[in-house]
Amino acid sequence: MDNSSNKNIPPLTKEQIWRLYQLSKMSDDEIDYSDIPKITKEEWNEKFKPSRLRKQKQNIAS
């Protein structure tokens, strides 16, 4: 796995680590997802399709 894109990401603060810990202890029912837009199964499948199944773009300006 290439982590070169993560080189400029600062480490988590103690507060961020604490918040993540608190979230990890919550059940899915306790987490408020209301600010996240709903996505249909078709949208999910298209956005997160494995790269080998996505339509390949062709360069026509060769």
N, C-alpha and C. Protein backbone atom coordinates (compact mmCIF):
# COMPACT_ATOMS: atom_id res chain seq x y z
N MET A 1 0.85 -1.18 0.00
CA MET A 1 0.00 0.00 0.00
C MET A 1 0.89 1.24 0.00
N ASP A 2 0.57 2.18 -0.85
CA ASP A 2 1.35 3.40 -0.97
C ASP A 2 0.79 4.46 -0.05
N ASN A 3 1.58 4.90 0.93
CA ASN A 3 1.14 5.92 1.87
C ASN A 3 1.70 7.29 1.53
N SER A 4 2.22 7.48 0.33
CA SER A 4 2.83 8.76 -0.02
C SER A 4 1.84 9.91 0.03
N SER A 5 0.56 9.67 -0.19
CA SER A 5 -0.43 10.75 -0.15
C SER A 5 -0.73 11.17 1.29
N ASN A 6 -0.32 10.38 2.28
CA ASN A 6 -0.60 10.68 3.67
C ASN A 6 0.53 11.45 4.36
N LYS A 7 1.58 11.78 3.65
CA LYS A 7 2.74 12.41 4.27
C LYS A 7 2.43 13.77 4.86
N ASN A 8 1.49 14.51 4.29
CA ASN A 8 1.18 15.86 4.76
C ASN A 8 0.02 15.91 5.75
N ILE A 9 -0.46 14.76 6.16
CA ILE A 9 -1.57 14.73 7.11
C ILE A 9 -0.99 14.79 8.52
N PRO A 10 -1.42 15.79 9.31
CA PRO A 10 -0.88 15.90 10.68
C PRO A 10 -1.40 14.77 11.56
N PRO A 11 -0.69 14.42 12.60
CA PRO A 11 -1.17 13.38 13.51
C PRO A 11 -2.45 13.83 14.22
N LEU A 12 -3.22 12.87 14.67
CA LEU A 12 -4.45 13.19 15.38
C LEU A 12 -4.13 13.83 16.72
N THR A 13 -4.98 14.76 17.12
CA THR A 13 -4.82 15.38 18.43
C THR A 13 -5.39 14.44 19.49
N LYS A 14 -5.10 14.72 20.75
CA LYS A 14 -5.65 13.90 21.83
C LYS A 14 -7.17 13.96 21.84
N GLU A 15 -7.72 15.14 21.55
CA GLU A 15 -9.18 15.27 21.50
C GLU A 15 -9.77 14.43 20.37
N GLN A 16 -9.14 14.43 19.20
CA GLN A 16 -9.64 13.63 18.08
C GLN A 16 -9.58 12.13 18.41
N ILE A 17 -8.50 11.73 19.04
CA ILE A 17 -8.37 10.32 19.43
C ILE A 17 -9.47 9.96 20.42
N TRP A 18 -9.74 10.84 21.39
CA TRP A 18 -10.78 10.61 22.37
C TRP A 18 -12.15 10.50 21.70
N ARG A 19 -12.44 11.39 20.76
CA ARG A 19 -13.73 11.35 20.06
C ARG A 19 -13.89 10.07 19.26
N LEU A 20 -12.84 9.62 18.61
CA LEU A 20 -12.89 8.37 17.87
C LEU A 20 -13.12 7.19 18.80
N TYR A 21 -12.47 7.23 19.94
CA TYR A 21 -12.66 6.18 20.94
C TYR A 21 -14.12 6.14 21.38
N GLN A 22 -14.69 7.31 21.68
CA GLN A 22 -16.09 7.38 22.10
C GLN A 22 -17.02 6.84 21.00
N LEU A 23 -16.75 7.19 19.77
CA LEU A 23 -17.56 6.67 18.65
C LEU A 23 -17.45 5.15 18.54
N SER A 24 -16.28 4.63 18.76
CA SER A 24 -16.08 3.19 18.64
C SER A 24 -16.89 2.41 19.66
N LYS A 25 -17.23 3.06 20.77
CA LYS A 25 -18.01 2.40 21.82
C LYS A 25 -19.51 2.48 21.58
N MET A 26 -19.93 3.29 20.60
CA MET A 26 -21.35 3.47 20.32
C MET A 26 -21.86 2.40 19.36
N SER A 27 -23.12 2.04 19.53
CA SER A 27 -23.74 1.15 18.55
C SER A 27 -24.18 1.98 17.35
N ASP A 28 -24.44 1.34 16.24
CA ASP A 28 -24.88 2.05 15.04
C ASP A 28 -26.17 2.83 15.29
N ASP A 29 -27.03 2.30 16.14
CA ASP A 29 -28.31 2.96 16.44
C ASP A 29 -28.12 4.26 17.21
N GLU A 30 -27.02 4.40 17.90
CA GLU A 30 -26.76 5.60 18.69
C GLU A 30 -26.12 6.72 17.88
N ILE A 31 -25.63 6.42 16.70
CA ILE A 31 -24.94 7.41 15.87
C ILE A 31 -25.94 8.14 15.00
N ASP A 32 -25.88 9.46 14.99
CA ASP A 32 -26.79 10.29 14.20
C ASP A 32 -26.26 10.42 12.77
N TYR A 33 -26.96 9.83 11.84
CA TYR A 33 -26.57 9.87 10.43
C TYR A 33 -27.43 10.86 9.64
N SER A 34 -28.22 11.68 10.30
CA SER A 34 -29.19 12.53 9.62
C SER A 34 -28.56 13.57 8.70
N ASP A 35 -27.29 13.92 8.93
CA ASP A 35 -26.65 14.93 8.08
C ASP A 35 -25.96 14.32 6.86
N ILE A 36 -26.09 13.01 6.70
CA ILE A 36 -25.47 12.33 5.56
C ILE A 36 -26.56 12.05 4.52
N PRO A 37 -26.37 12.48 3.27
CA PRO A 37 -27.41 12.22 2.27
C PRO A 37 -27.57 10.73 2.00
N LYS A 38 -28.81 10.33 1.76
CA LYS A 38 -29.06 8.92 1.45
C LYS A 38 -28.54 8.61 0.05
N ILE A 39 -28.15 7.37 -0.14
CA ILE A 39 -27.64 6.93 -1.43
C ILE A 39 -28.37 5.65 -1.80
N THR A 40 -28.77 5.54 -3.06
CA THR A 40 -29.46 4.33 -3.50
C THR A 40 -28.45 3.21 -3.71
N LYS A 41 -28.96 2.00 -3.78
CA LYS A 41 -28.09 0.84 -4.02
C LYS A 41 -27.37 0.98 -5.36
N GLU A 42 -28.07 1.51 -6.37
CA GLU A 42 -27.47 1.69 -7.69
C GLU A 42 -26.33 2.71 -7.63
N GLU A 43 -26.56 3.82 -6.92
CA GLU A 43 -25.52 4.84 -6.77
C GLU A 43 -24.30 4.25 -6.04
N TRP A 44 -24.55 3.50 -4.99
CA TRP A 44 -23.47 2.88 -4.22
C TRP A 44 -22.65 1.94 -5.12
N ASN A 45 -23.36 1.10 -5.86
CA ASN A 45 -22.66 0.14 -6.72
C ASN A 45 -21.84 0.82 -7.80
N GLU A 46 -22.32 1.93 -8.33
CA GLU A 46 -21.59 2.64 -9.37
C GLU A 46 -20.37 3.38 -8.80
N LYS A 47 -20.53 4.02 -7.66
CA LYS A 47 -19.43 4.79 -7.07
C LYS A 47 -18.33 3.91 -6.51
N PHE A 48 -18.70 2.74 -6.01
CA PHE A 48 -17.72 1.90 -5.33
C PHE A 48 -17.47 0.59 -6.07
N LYS A 49 -17.66 0.65 -7.37
CA LYS A 49 -17.40 -0.52 -8.21
C LYS A 49 -15.89 -0.75 -8.28
N PRO A 50 -15.46 -2.00 -8.20
CA PRO A 50 -14.02 -2.27 -8.34
C PRO A 50 -13.49 -1.72 -9.66
N SER A 51 -12.29 -1.20 -9.64
CA SER A 51 -11.73 -0.54 -10.82
C SER A 51 -11.72 -1.46 -12.04
N ARG A 52 -11.58 -2.74 -11.82
CA ARG A 52 -11.56 -3.66 -12.98
C ARG A 52 -12.91 -3.75 -13.67
N LEU A 53 -13.98 -3.31 -13.00
CA LEU A 53 -15.31 -3.36 -13.60
C LEU A 53 -15.79 -2.02 -14.12
N ARG A 54 -15.05 -0.95 -13.84
CA ARG A 54 -15.44 0.37 -14.31
C ARG A 54 -15.15 0.51 -15.80
N LYS A 55 -15.91 1.38 -16.45
CA LYS A 55 -15.66 1.65 -17.86
C LYS A 55 -14.28 2.31 -17.99
N GLN A 56 -13.50 1.81 -18.91
CA GLN A 56 -12.16 2.36 -19.11
C GLN A 56 -12.23 3.52 -20.10
N LYS A 57 -11.58 4.63 -19.75
CA LYS A 57 -11.53 5.78 -20.65
C LYS A 57 -10.46 5.53 -21.70
N GLN A 58 -10.74 5.95 -22.92
CA GLN A 58 -9.79 5.79 -24.01
C GLN A 58 -9.27 7.15 -24.45
N ASN A 59 -7.96 7.23 -24.62
CA ASN A 59 -7.34 8.46 -25.10
C ASN A 59 -7.45 8.48 -26.62
N ILE A 60 -8.15 9.47 -27.17
CA ILE A 60 -8.35 9.52 -28.62
C ILE A 60 -7.42 10.54 -29.27
N ALA A 61 -6.62 11.24 -28.48
CA ALA A 61 -5.71 12.26 -29.01
C ALA A 61 -4.27 11.75 -29.05
N SER A 62 -4.07 10.63 -29.68
CA SER A 62 -2.71 10.06 -29.72
C SER A 62 -1.96 10.49 -30.95
